[in-house]
């Protein structure tokens, strides 16, 4: 997970995963989606020879394809309806607001 793009939402989601591991908060479907998506996406990068490549050195086209294919693996959409709003499906609402 430390290969992720430095992004406030990614950092907050990693903090959530750590709190879940410590038993401080319950796991949610958002947490499960984030973790499984990022893990599977990393597997794709490894298969393409980008295992040790930092995020900013992965070509945009490779990221776009890996990201989209991983969403498809889990039948996910980039965004979803949640409490009368449209939000990103991989990030817990507390992270987005």
PDB file of N, CA and C in Angstrom:
ATOM      1  N   UNK A   1       0.808  -1.190   0.000  1.00  0.00           N
ATOM      2  CA  UNK A   1       0.000   0.000   0.000  1.00  0.00           C
ATOM      3  C   UNK A   1       0.861   1.267   0.000  1.00  0.00           C
ATOM      4  N   UNK A   2       2.094   1.163   0.427  1.00  0.00           N
ATOM      5  CA  UNK A   2       2.919   2.367   0.473  1.00  0.00           C
ATOM      6  C   UNK A   2       3.332   2.849  -0.912  1.00  0.00           C
ATOM      7  N   UNK A   3       2.976   2.116  -1.954  1.00  0.00           N
ATOM      8  CA  UNK A   3       3.269   2.550  -3.322  1.00  0.00           C
ATOM      9  C   UNK A   3       2.190   3.483  -3.861  1.00  0.00           C
ATOM     10  N   UNK A   4       1.088   3.619  -3.131  1.00  0.00           N
ATOM     11  CA  UNK A   4      -0.020   4.432  -3.608  1.00  0.00           C
ATOM     12  C   UNK A   4       0.408   5.875  -3.827  1.00  0.00           C
ATOM     13  N   UNK A   5      -0.296   6.499  -4.743  1.00  0.00           N
ATOM     14  CA  UNK A   5      -0.101   7.926  -4.970  1.00  0.00           C
ATOM     15  C   UNK A   5      -0.298   8.649  -3.642  1.00  0.00           C
ATOM     16  N   UNK A   6       0.577   9.627  -3.347  1.00  0.00           N
ATOM     17  CA  UNK A   6       0.394  10.404  -2.124  1.00  0.00           C
ATOM     18  C   UNK A   6      -0.832  11.276  -2.324  1.00  0.00           C
ATOM     19  N   UNK A   7      -1.879  10.907  -1.655  1.00  0.00           N
ATOM     20  CA  UNK A   7      -3.163  11.558  -1.808  1.00  0.00           C
ATOM     21  C   UNK A   7      -3.846  11.510  -0.445  1.00  0.00           C
ATOM     22  N   UNK A   8      -4.465  12.592  -0.061  1.00  0.00           N
ATOM     23  CA  UNK A   8      -5.085  12.673   1.259  1.00  0.00           C
ATOM     24  C   UNK A   8      -6.093  11.543   1.487  1.00  0.00           C
ATOM     25  N   UNK A   9      -6.883  11.236   0.477  1.00  0.00           N
ATOM     26  CA  UNK A   9      -7.878  10.168   0.632  1.00  0.00           C
ATOM     27  C   UNK A   9      -7.206   8.808   0.793  1.00  0.00           C
ATOM     28  N   UNK A  10      -6.164   8.542   0.022  1.00  0.00           N
ATOM     29  CA  UNK A  10      -5.438   7.274   0.178  1.00  0.00           C
ATOM     30  C   UNK A  10      -4.854   7.157   1.579  1.00  0.00           C
ATOM     31  N   UNK A  11      -4.251   8.234   2.060  1.00  0.00           N
ATOM     32  CA  UNK A  11      -3.652   8.234   3.400  1.00  0.00           C
ATOM     33  C   UNK A  11      -4.721   7.950   4.448  1.00  0.00           C
ATOM     34  N   UNK A  12      -5.859   8.621   4.330  1.00  0.00           N
ATOM     35  CA  UNK A  12      -6.934   8.416   5.307  1.00  0.00           C
ATOM     36  C   UNK A  12      -7.496   6.994   5.243  1.00  0.00           C
ATOM     37  N   UNK A  13      -7.571   6.429   4.054  1.00  0.00           N
ATOM     38  CA  UNK A  13      -8.060   5.054   3.945  1.00  0.00           C
ATOM     39  C   UNK A  13      -7.055   4.076   4.553  1.00  0.00           C
ATOM     40  N   UNK A  14      -5.778   4.315   4.357  1.00  0.00           N
ATOM     41  CA  UNK A  14      -4.761   3.456   4.977  1.00  0.00           C
ATOM     42  C   UNK A  14      -4.851   3.568   6.500  1.00  0.00           C
ATOM     43  N   UNK A  15      -5.070   4.778   7.003  1.00  0.00           N
ATOM     44  CA  UNK A  15      -5.245   4.959   8.448  1.00  0.00           C
ATOM     45  C   UNK A  15      -6.462   4.180   8.941  1.00  0.00           C
ATOM     46  N   UNK A  16      -7.537   4.175   8.152  1.00  0.00           N
ATOM     47  CA  UNK A  16      -8.726   3.400   8.512  1.00  0.00           C
ATOM     48  C   UNK A  16      -8.387   1.910   8.583  1.00  0.00           C
ATOM     49  N   UNK A  17      -7.662   1.410   7.589  1.00  0.00           N
ATOM     50  CA  UNK A  17      -7.283  -0.010   7.571  1.00  0.00           C
ATOM     51  C   UNK A  17      -6.456  -0.350   8.817  1.00  0.00           C
ATOM     52  N   UNK A  18      -5.535   0.531   9.189  1.00  0.00           N
ATOM     53  CA  UNK A  18      -4.720   0.304  10.388  1.00  0.00           C
ATOM     54  C   UNK A  18      -5.590   0.269  11.644  1.00  0.00           C
ATOM     55  N   UNK A  19      -6.572   1.177  11.733  1.00  0.00           N
ATOM     56  CA  UNK A  19      -7.475   1.198  12.894  1.00  0.00           C
ATOM     57  C   UNK A  19      -8.328  -0.068  12.944  1.00  0.00           C
ATOM     58  N   UNK A  20      -8.720  -0.565  11.779  1.00  0.00           N
ATOM     59  CA  UNK A  20      -9.486  -1.813  11.720  1.00  0.00           C
ATOM     60  C   UNK A  20      -8.627  -2.964  12.234  1.00  0.00           C
ATOM     61  N   UNK A  21      -7.367  -3.019  11.788  1.00  0.00           N
ATOM     62  CA  UNK A  21      -6.448  -4.076  12.247  1.00  0.00           C
ATOM     63  C   UNK A  21      -6.249  -4.029  13.758  1.00  0.00           C
ATOM     64  N   UNK A  22      -6.267  -2.817  14.324  1.00  0.00           N
ATOM     65  CA  UNK A  22      -6.081  -2.640  15.768  1.00  0.00           C
ATOM     66  C   UNK A  22      -7.380  -2.847  16.546  1.00  0.00           C
ATOM     67  N   UNK A  23      -8.485  -3.084  15.839  1.00  0.00           N
ATOM     68  CA  UNK A  23      -9.770  -3.291  16.495  1.00  0.00           C
ATOM     69  C   UNK A  23     -10.432  -2.020  16.986  1.00  0.00           C
ATOM     70  N   UNK A  24      -9.991  -0.874  16.483  1.00  0.00           N
ATOM     71  CA  UNK A  24     -10.522   0.406  16.949  1.00  0.00           C
ATOM     72  C   UNK A  24     -11.809   0.816  16.240  1.00  0.00           C
ATOM     73  N   UNK A  25     -11.991   0.370  15.004  1.00  0.00           N
ATOM     74  CA  UNK A  25     -13.217   0.673  14.264  1.00  0.00           C
ATOM     75  C   UNK A  25     -13.651  -0.586  13.511  1.00  0.00           C
ATOM     76  N   UNK A  26     -14.947  -0.706  13.250  1.00  0.00           N
ATOM     77  CA  UNK A  26     -15.410  -1.867  12.474  1.00  0.00           C
ATOM     78  C   UNK A  26     -15.133  -1.667  10.985  1.00  0.00           C
ATOM     79  N   UNK A  27     -14.968  -2.776  10.290  1.00  0.00           N
ATOM     80  CA  UNK A  27     -14.742  -2.706   8.851  1.00  0.00           C
ATOM     81  C   UNK A  27     -16.073  -2.437   8.143  1.00  0.00           C
ATOM     82  N   UNK A  28     -16.013  -1.684   7.063  1.00  0.00           N
ATOM     83  CA  UNK A  28     -17.204  -1.393   6.265  1.00  0.00           C
ATOM     84  C   UNK A  28     -16.986  -1.904   4.844  1.00  0.00           C
ATOM     85  N   UNK A  29     -18.041  -1.889   4.063  1.00  0.00           N
ATOM     86  CA  UNK A  29     -17.905  -2.278   2.661  1.00  0.00           C
ATOM     87  C   UNK A  29     -16.961  -1.339   1.918  1.00  0.00           C
ATOM     88  N   UNK A  30     -16.921  -0.072   2.301  1.00  0.00           N
ATOM     89  CA  UNK A  30     -15.994   0.872   1.669  1.00  0.00           C
ATOM     90  C   UNK A  30     -14.554   0.435   1.907  1.00  0.00           C
ATOM     91  N   UNK A  31     -14.247   0.055   3.141  1.00  0.00           N
ATOM     92  CA  UNK A  31     -12.892  -0.396   3.486  1.00  0.00           C
ATOM     93  C   UNK A  31     -12.528  -1.657   2.712  1.00  0.00           C
ATOM     94  N   UNK A  32     -13.476  -2.580   2.630  1.00  0.00           N
ATOM     95  CA  UNK A  32     -13.235  -3.824   1.890  1.00  0.00           C
ATOM     96  C   UNK A  32     -12.980  -3.539   0.415  1.00  0.00           C
ATOM     97  N   UNK A  33     -13.791  -2.642  -0.157  1.00  0.00           N
ATOM     98  CA  UNK A  33     -13.607  -2.314  -1.579  1.00  0.00           C
ATOM     99  C   UNK A  33     -12.252  -1.669  -1.818  1.00  0.00           C
ATOM    100  N   UNK A  34     -11.880  -0.722  -0.974  1.00  0.00           N
ATOM    101  CA  UNK A  34     -10.592  -0.041  -1.129  1.00  0.00           C
ATOM    102  C   UNK A  34      -9.443  -1.050  -1.063  1.00  0.00           C
ATOM    103  N   UNK A  35      -9.439  -1.864  -0.011  1.00  0.00           N
ATOM    104  CA  UNK A  35      -8.335  -2.802   0.196  1.00  0.00           C
ATOM    105  C   UNK A  35      -8.239  -3.824  -0.933  1.00  0.00           C
ATOM    106  N   UNK A  36      -9.360  -4.442  -1.287  1.00  0.00           N
ATOM    107  CA  UNK A  36      -9.311  -5.462  -2.336  1.00  0.00           C
ATOM    108  C   UNK A  36      -8.965  -4.850  -3.686  1.00  0.00           C
ATOM    109  N   UNK A  37      -9.473  -3.659  -3.947  1.00  0.00           N
ATOM    110  CA  UNK A  37      -9.157  -2.995  -5.215  1.00  0.00           C
ATOM    111  C   UNK A  37      -7.660  -2.704  -5.308  1.00  0.00           C
ATOM    112  N   UNK A  38      -7.109  -2.094  -4.278  1.00  0.00           N
ATOM    113  CA  UNK A  38      -5.693  -1.718  -4.312  1.00  0.00           C
ATOM    114  C   UNK A  38      -4.790  -2.949  -4.366  1.00  0.00           C
ATOM    115  N   UNK A  39      -5.170  -4.004  -3.654  1.00  0.00           N
ATOM    116  CA  UNK A  39      -4.381  -5.233  -3.672  1.00  0.00           C
ATOM    117  C   UNK A  39      -4.391  -5.861  -5.064  1.00  0.00           C
ATOM    118  N   UNK A  40      -5.564  -5.953  -5.672  1.00  0.00           N
ATOM    119  CA  UNK A  40      -5.682  -6.543  -7.015  1.00  0.00           C
ATOM    120  C   UNK A  40      -4.988  -5.669  -8.054  1.00  0.00           C
ATOM    121  N   UNK A  41      -5.119  -4.365  -7.919  1.00  0.00           N
ATOM    122  CA  UNK A  41      -4.458  -3.452  -8.850  1.00  0.00           C
ATOM    123  C   UNK A  41      -2.939  -3.636  -8.782  1.00  0.00           C
ATOM    124  N   UNK A  42      -2.412  -3.810  -7.573  1.00  0.00           N
ATOM    125  CA  UNK A  42      -0.977  -4.048  -7.417  1.00  0.00           C
ATOM    126  C   UNK A  42      -0.564  -5.349  -8.098  1.00  0.00           C
ATOM    127  N   UNK A  43      -1.393  -6.376  -7.994  1.00  0.00           N
ATOM    128  CA  UNK A  43      -1.108  -7.637  -8.692  1.00  0.00           C
ATOM    129  C   UNK A  43      -0.998  -7.397 -10.195  1.00  0.00           C
ATOM    130  N   UNK A  44      -1.849  -6.569 -10.736  1.00  0.00           N
ATOM    131  CA  UNK A  44      -1.780  -6.237 -12.165  1.00  0.00           C
ATOM    132  C   UNK A  44      -0.457  -5.532 -12.481  1.00  0.00           C
ATOM    133  N   UNK A  45      -0.075  -4.576 -11.640  1.00  0.00           N
ATOM    134  CA  UNK A  45       1.196  -3.874 -11.860  1.00  0.00           C
ATOM    135  C   UNK A  45       2.361  -4.861 -11.839  1.00  0.00           C
ATOM    136  N   UNK A  46       2.352  -5.778 -10.881  1.00  0.00           N
ATOM    137  CA  UNK A  46       3.418  -6.785 -10.812  1.00  0.00           C
ATOM    138  C   UNK A  46       3.476  -7.593 -12.096  1.00  0.00           C
ATOM    139  N   UNK A  47       2.329  -8.040 -12.570  1.00  0.00           N
ATOM    140  CA  UNK A  47       2.277  -8.844 -13.798  1.00  0.00           C
ATOM    141  C   UNK A  47       2.767  -8.072 -15.017  1.00  0.00           C
ATOM    142  N   UNK A  48       2.667  -6.750 -14.968  1.00  0.00           N
ATOM    143  CA  UNK A  48       3.109  -5.903 -16.079  1.00  0.00           C
ATOM    144  C   UNK A  48       4.553  -5.419 -15.910  1.00  0.00           C
ATOM    145  N   UNK A  49       5.211  -5.845 -14.823  1.00  0.00           N
ATOM    146  CA  UNK A  49       6.602  -5.467 -14.609  1.00  0.00           C
ATOM    147  C   UNK A  49       6.797  -4.164 -13.850  1.00  0.00           C
ATOM    148  N   UNK A  50       5.769  -3.689 -13.163  1.00  0.00           N
ATOM    149  CA  UNK A  50       5.858  -2.429 -12.419  1.00  0.00           C
ATOM    150  C   UNK A  50       5.840  -2.645 -10.904  1.00  0.00           C
ATOM    151  N   UNK A  51       6.266  -3.807 -10.463  1.00  0.00           N
ATOM    152  CA  UNK A  51       6.203  -4.146  -9.043  1.00  0.00           C
ATOM    153  C   UNK A  51       6.950  -3.148  -8.157  1.00  0.00           C
ATOM    154  N   UNK A  52       8.114  -2.707  -8.589  1.00  0.00           N
ATOM    155  CA  UNK A  52       8.936  -1.807  -7.775  1.00  0.00           C
ATOM    156  C   UNK A  52       8.961  -0.380  -8.310  1.00  0.00           C
ATOM    157  N   UNK A  53       7.979  -0.036  -9.098  1.00  0.00           N
ATOM    158  CA  UNK A  53       7.919   1.290  -9.713  1.00  0.00           C
ATOM    159  C   UNK A  53       7.026   2.196  -8.882  1.00  0.00           C
ATOM    160  N   UNK A  54       7.515   3.404  -8.564  1.00  0.00           N
ATOM    161  CA  UNK A  54       6.679   4.332  -7.812  1.00  0.00           C
ATOM    162  C   UNK A  54       5.525   4.804  -8.691  1.00  0.00           C
ATOM    163  N   UNK A  55       4.458   5.202  -8.032  1.00  0.00           N
ATOM    164  CA  UNK A  55       3.228   5.569  -8.733  1.00  0.00           C
ATOM    165  C   UNK A  55       3.469   6.584  -9.849  1.00  0.00           C
ATOM    166  N   UNK A  56       4.259   7.610  -9.556  1.00  0.00           N
ATOM    167  CA  UNK A  56       4.447   8.684 -10.544  1.00  0.00           C
ATOM    168  C   UNK A  56       5.270   8.255 -11.754  1.00  0.00           C
ATOM    169  N   UNK A  57       5.819   7.051 -11.740  1.00  0.00           N
ATOM    170  CA  UNK A  57       6.590   6.561 -12.888  1.00  0.00           C
ATOM    171  C   UNK A  57       5.815   5.525 -13.715  1.00  0.00           C
ATOM    172  N   UNK A  58       4.626   5.190 -13.268  1.00  0.00           N
ATOM    173  CA  UNK A  58       3.784   4.266 -14.037  1.00  0.00           C
ATOM    174  C   UNK A  58       3.065   5.085 -15.102  1.00  0.00           C
ATOM    175  N   UNK A  59       3.174   4.702 -16.367  1.00  0.00           N
ATOM    176  CA  UNK A  59       2.511   5.465 -17.431  1.00  0.00           C
ATOM    177  C   UNK A  59       1.004   5.589 -17.180  1.00  0.00           C
ATOM    178  N   UNK A  60       0.460   6.759 -17.513  1.00  0.00           N
ATOM    179  CA  UNK A  60      -0.965   7.013 -17.297  1.00  0.00           C
ATOM    180  C   UNK A  60      -1.843   5.932 -17.916  1.00  0.00           C
ATOM    181  N   UNK A  61      -1.486   5.498 -19.108  1.00  0.00           N
ATOM    182  CA  UNK A  61      -2.288   4.483 -19.796  1.00  0.00           C
ATOM    183  C   UNK A  61      -2.306   3.172 -19.012  1.00  0.00           C
ATOM    184  N   UNK A  62      -1.172   2.810 -18.428  1.00  0.00           N
ATOM    185  CA  UNK A  62      -1.096   1.579 -17.634  1.00  0.00           C
ATOM    186  C   UNK A  62      -1.978   1.717 -16.401  1.00  0.00           C
ATOM    187  N   UNK A  63      -1.880   2.864 -15.717  1.00  0.00           N
ATOM    188  CA  UNK A  63      -2.727   3.091 -14.537  1.00  0.00           C
ATOM    189  C   UNK A  63      -4.197   3.047 -14.919  1.00  0.00           C
ATOM    190  N   UNK A  64      -4.575   3.776 -15.972  1.00  0.00           N
ATOM    191  CA  UNK A  64      -5.979   3.803 -16.404  1.00  0.00           C
ATOM    192  C   UNK A  64      -6.501   2.399 -16.670  1.00  0.00           C
ATOM    193  N   UNK A  65      -5.728   1.606 -17.404  1.00  0.00           N
ATOM    194  CA  UNK A  65      -6.159   0.251 -17.745  1.00  0.00           C
ATOM    195  C   UNK A  65      -6.231  -0.651 -16.514  1.00  0.00           C
ATOM    196  N   UNK A  66      -5.223  -0.578 -15.655  1.00  0.00           N
ATOM    197  CA  UNK A  66      -5.209  -1.419 -14.452  1.00  0.00           C
ATOM    198  C   UNK A  66      -6.354  -1.039 -13.518  1.00  0.00           C
ATOM    199  N   UNK A  67      -6.571   0.250 -13.368  1.00  0.00           N
ATOM    200  CA  UNK A  67      -7.640   0.725 -12.484  1.00  0.00           C
ATOM    201  C   UNK A  67      -9.007   0.284 -13.008  1.00  0.00           C
ATOM    202  N   UNK A  68      -9.264   0.527 -14.279  1.00  0.00           N
ATOM    203  CA  UNK A  68     -10.559   0.169 -14.872  1.00  0.00           C
ATOM    204  C   UNK A  68     -10.785  -1.343 -14.835  1.00  0.00           C
ATOM    205  N   UNK A  69      -9.757  -2.112 -15.167  1.00  0.00           N
ATOM    206  CA  UNK A  69      -9.897  -3.573 -15.169  1.00  0.00           C
ATOM    207  C   UNK A  69     -10.169  -4.101 -13.765  1.00  0.00           C
ATOM    208  N   UNK A  70      -9.545  -3.488 -12.771  1.00  0.00           N
ATOM    209  CA  UNK A  70      -9.761  -3.927 -11.394  1.00  0.00           C
ATOM    210  C   UNK A  70     -11.165  -3.580 -10.925  1.00  0.00           C
ATOM    211  N   UNK A  71     -11.668  -2.419 -11.312  1.00  0.00           N
ATOM    212  CA  UNK A  71     -13.066  -2.101 -11.005  1.00  0.00           C
ATOM    213  C   UNK A  71     -13.984  -3.151 -11.619  1.00  0.00           C
ATOM    214  N   UNK A  72     -13.696  -3.526 -12.856  1.00  0.00           N
ATOM    215  CA  UNK A  72     -14.511  -4.532 -13.542  1.00  0.00           C
ATOM    216  C   UNK A  72     -14.428  -5.891 -12.855  1.00  0.00           C
ATOM    217  N   UNK A  73     -13.241  -6.252 -12.349  1.00  0.00           N
ATOM    218  CA  UNK A  73     -13.087  -7.532 -11.639  1.00  0.00           C
ATOM    219  C   UNK A  73     -14.123  -7.687 -10.534  1.00  0.00           C
ATOM    220  N   UNK A  74     -14.371  -6.599  -9.833  1.00  0.00           N
ATOM    221  CA  UNK A  74     -15.271  -6.636  -8.683  1.00  0.00           C
ATOM    222  C   UNK A  74     -16.644  -6.052  -9.000  1.00  0.00           C
ATOM    223  N   UNK A  75     -16.898  -5.818 -10.277  1.00  0.00           N
ATOM    224  CA  UNK A  75     -18.189  -5.264 -10.719  1.00  0.00           C
ATOM    225  C   UNK A  75     -18.522  -3.967  -9.981  1.00  0.00           C
ATOM    226  N   UNK A  76     -17.514  -3.100  -9.877  1.00  0.00           N
ATOM    227  CA  UNK A  76     -17.681  -1.819  -9.192  1.00  0.00           C
ATOM    228  C   UNK A  76     -17.747  -0.677 -10.193  1.00  0.00           C
ATOM    229  N   UNK A  77     -18.388   0.370  -9.773  1.00  0.00           N
ATOM    230  CA  UNK A  77     -18.390   1.617 -10.527  1.00  0.00           C
ATOM    231  C   UNK A  77     -17.509   2.604  -9.777  1.00  0.00           C
ATOM    232  N   UNK A  78     -16.959   3.556 -10.502  1.00  0.00           N
ATOM    233  CA  UNK A  78     -16.115   4.582  -9.882  1.00  0.00           C
ATOM    234  C   UNK A  78     -16.900   5.346  -8.810  1.00  0.00           C
ATOM    235  N   UNK A  79     -18.151   5.662  -9.122  1.00  0.00           N
ATOM    236  CA  UNK A  79     -18.998   6.409  -8.187  1.00  0.00           C
ATOM    237  C   UNK A  79     -20.269   5.621  -7.906  1.00  0.00           C
ATOM    238  N   UNK A  80     -20.903   5.976  -6.791  1.00  0.00           N
ATOM    239  CA  UNK A  80     -22.138   5.305  -6.394  1.00  0.00           C
ATOM    240  C   UNK A  80     -23.042   6.285  -5.659  1.00  0.00           C
ATOM    241  N   UNK A  81     -24.309   5.931  -5.560  1.00  0.00           N
ATOM    242  CA  UNK A  81     -25.255   6.727  -4.780  1.00  0.00           C
ATOM    243  C   UNK A  81     -25.138   6.321  -3.321  1.00  0.00           C
ATOM    244  N   UNK A  82     -25.092   7.320  -2.448  1.00  0.00           N
ATOM    245  CA  UNK A  82     -25.000   7.058  -1.014  1.00  0.00           C
ATOM    246  C   UNK A  82     -25.675   8.209  -0.289  1.00  0.00           C
ATOM    247  N   UNK A  83     -26.745   7.908   0.415  1.00  0.00           N
ATOM    248  CA  UNK A  83     -27.483   8.926   1.179  1.00  0.00           C
ATOM    249  C   UNK A  83     -27.776  10.162   0.335  1.00  0.00           C
ATOM    250  N   UNK A  84     -28.395   9.964  -0.782  1.00  0.00           N
ATOM    251  CA  UNK A  84     -28.817  11.042  -1.683  1.00  0.00           C
ATOM    252  C   UNK A  84     -27.665  11.838  -2.294  1.00  0.00           C
ATOM    253  N   UNK A  85     -26.473  11.284  -2.287  1.00  0.00           N
ATOM    254  CA  UNK A  85     -25.319  11.937  -2.907  1.00  0.00           C
ATOM    255  C   UNK A  85     -24.604  10.936  -3.804  1.00  0.00           C
ATOM    256  N   UNK A  86     -23.804  11.451  -4.707  1.00  0.00           N
ATOM    257  CA  UNK A  86     -22.941  10.594  -5.509  1.00  0.00           C
ATOM    258  C   UNK A  86     -21.535  10.701  -4.936  1.00  0.00           C
ATOM    259  N   UNK A  87     -20.974   9.556  -4.544  1.00  0.00           N
ATOM    260  CA  UNK A  87     -19.640   9.550  -3.946  1.00  0.00           C
ATOM    261  C   UNK A  87     -18.791   8.479  -4.625  1.00  0.00           C
ATOM    262  N   UNK A  88     -17.484   8.514  -4.370  1.00  0.00           N
ATOM    263  CA  UNK A  88     -16.573   7.502  -4.903  1.00  0.00           C
ATOM    264  C   UNK A  88     -16.746   6.202  -4.123  1.00  0.00           C
ATOM    265  N   UNK A  89     -16.851   5.105  -4.831  1.00  0.00           N
ATOM    266  CA  UNK A  89     -17.181   3.820  -4.213  1.00  0.00           C
ATOM    267  C   UNK A  89     -16.040   3.197  -3.412  1.00  0.00           C
ATOM    268  N   UNK A  90     -14.806   3.607  -3.662  1.00  0.00           N
ATOM    269  CA  UNK A  90     -13.661   2.996  -2.981  1.00  0.00           C
ATOM    270  C   UNK A  90     -13.260   3.710  -1.697  1.00  0.00           C
ATOM    271  N   UNK A  91     -13.854   4.856  -1.424  1.00  0.00           N
ATOM    272  CA  UNK A  91     -13.436   5.663  -0.283  1.00  0.00           C
ATOM    273  C   UNK A  91     -14.590   5.866   0.692  1.00  0.00           C
ATOM    274  N   UNK A  92     -14.329   5.604   1.962  1.00  0.00           N
ATOM    275  CA  UNK A  92     -15.347   5.780   2.997  1.00  0.00           C
ATOM    276  C   UNK A  92     -15.857   7.222   2.971  1.00  0.00           C
ATOM    277  N   UNK A  93     -17.152   7.430   3.202  1.00  0.00           N
ATOM    278  CA  UNK A  93     -17.696   8.796   3.185  1.00  0.00           C
ATOM    279  C   UNK A  93     -16.973   9.757   4.123  1.00  0.00           C
ATOM    280  N   UNK A  94     -16.519   9.275   5.284  1.00  0.00           N
ATOM    281  CA  UNK A  94     -15.789  10.152   6.208  1.00  0.00           C
ATOM    282  C   UNK A  94     -14.512  10.700   5.585  1.00  0.00           C
ATOM    283  N   UNK A  95     -13.940   9.970   4.657  1.00  0.00           N
ATOM    284  CA  UNK A  95     -12.714  10.390   3.972  1.00  0.00           C
ATOM    285  C   UNK A  95     -13.027  11.455   2.924  1.00  0.00           C
ATOM    286  N   UNK A  96     -14.197  11.362   2.330  1.00  0.00           N
ATOM    287  CA  UNK A  96     -14.558  12.246   1.225  1.00  0.00           C
ATOM    288  C   UNK A  96     -15.109  13.595   1.678  1.00  0.00           C
ATOM    289  N   UNK A  97     -15.563  13.673   2.913  1.00  0.00           N
ATOM    290  CA  UNK A  97     -16.181  14.930   3.376  1.00  0.00           C
ATOM    291  C   UNK A  97     -15.399  15.553   4.492  1.00  0.00           C
TER     292      UNK A  97
END
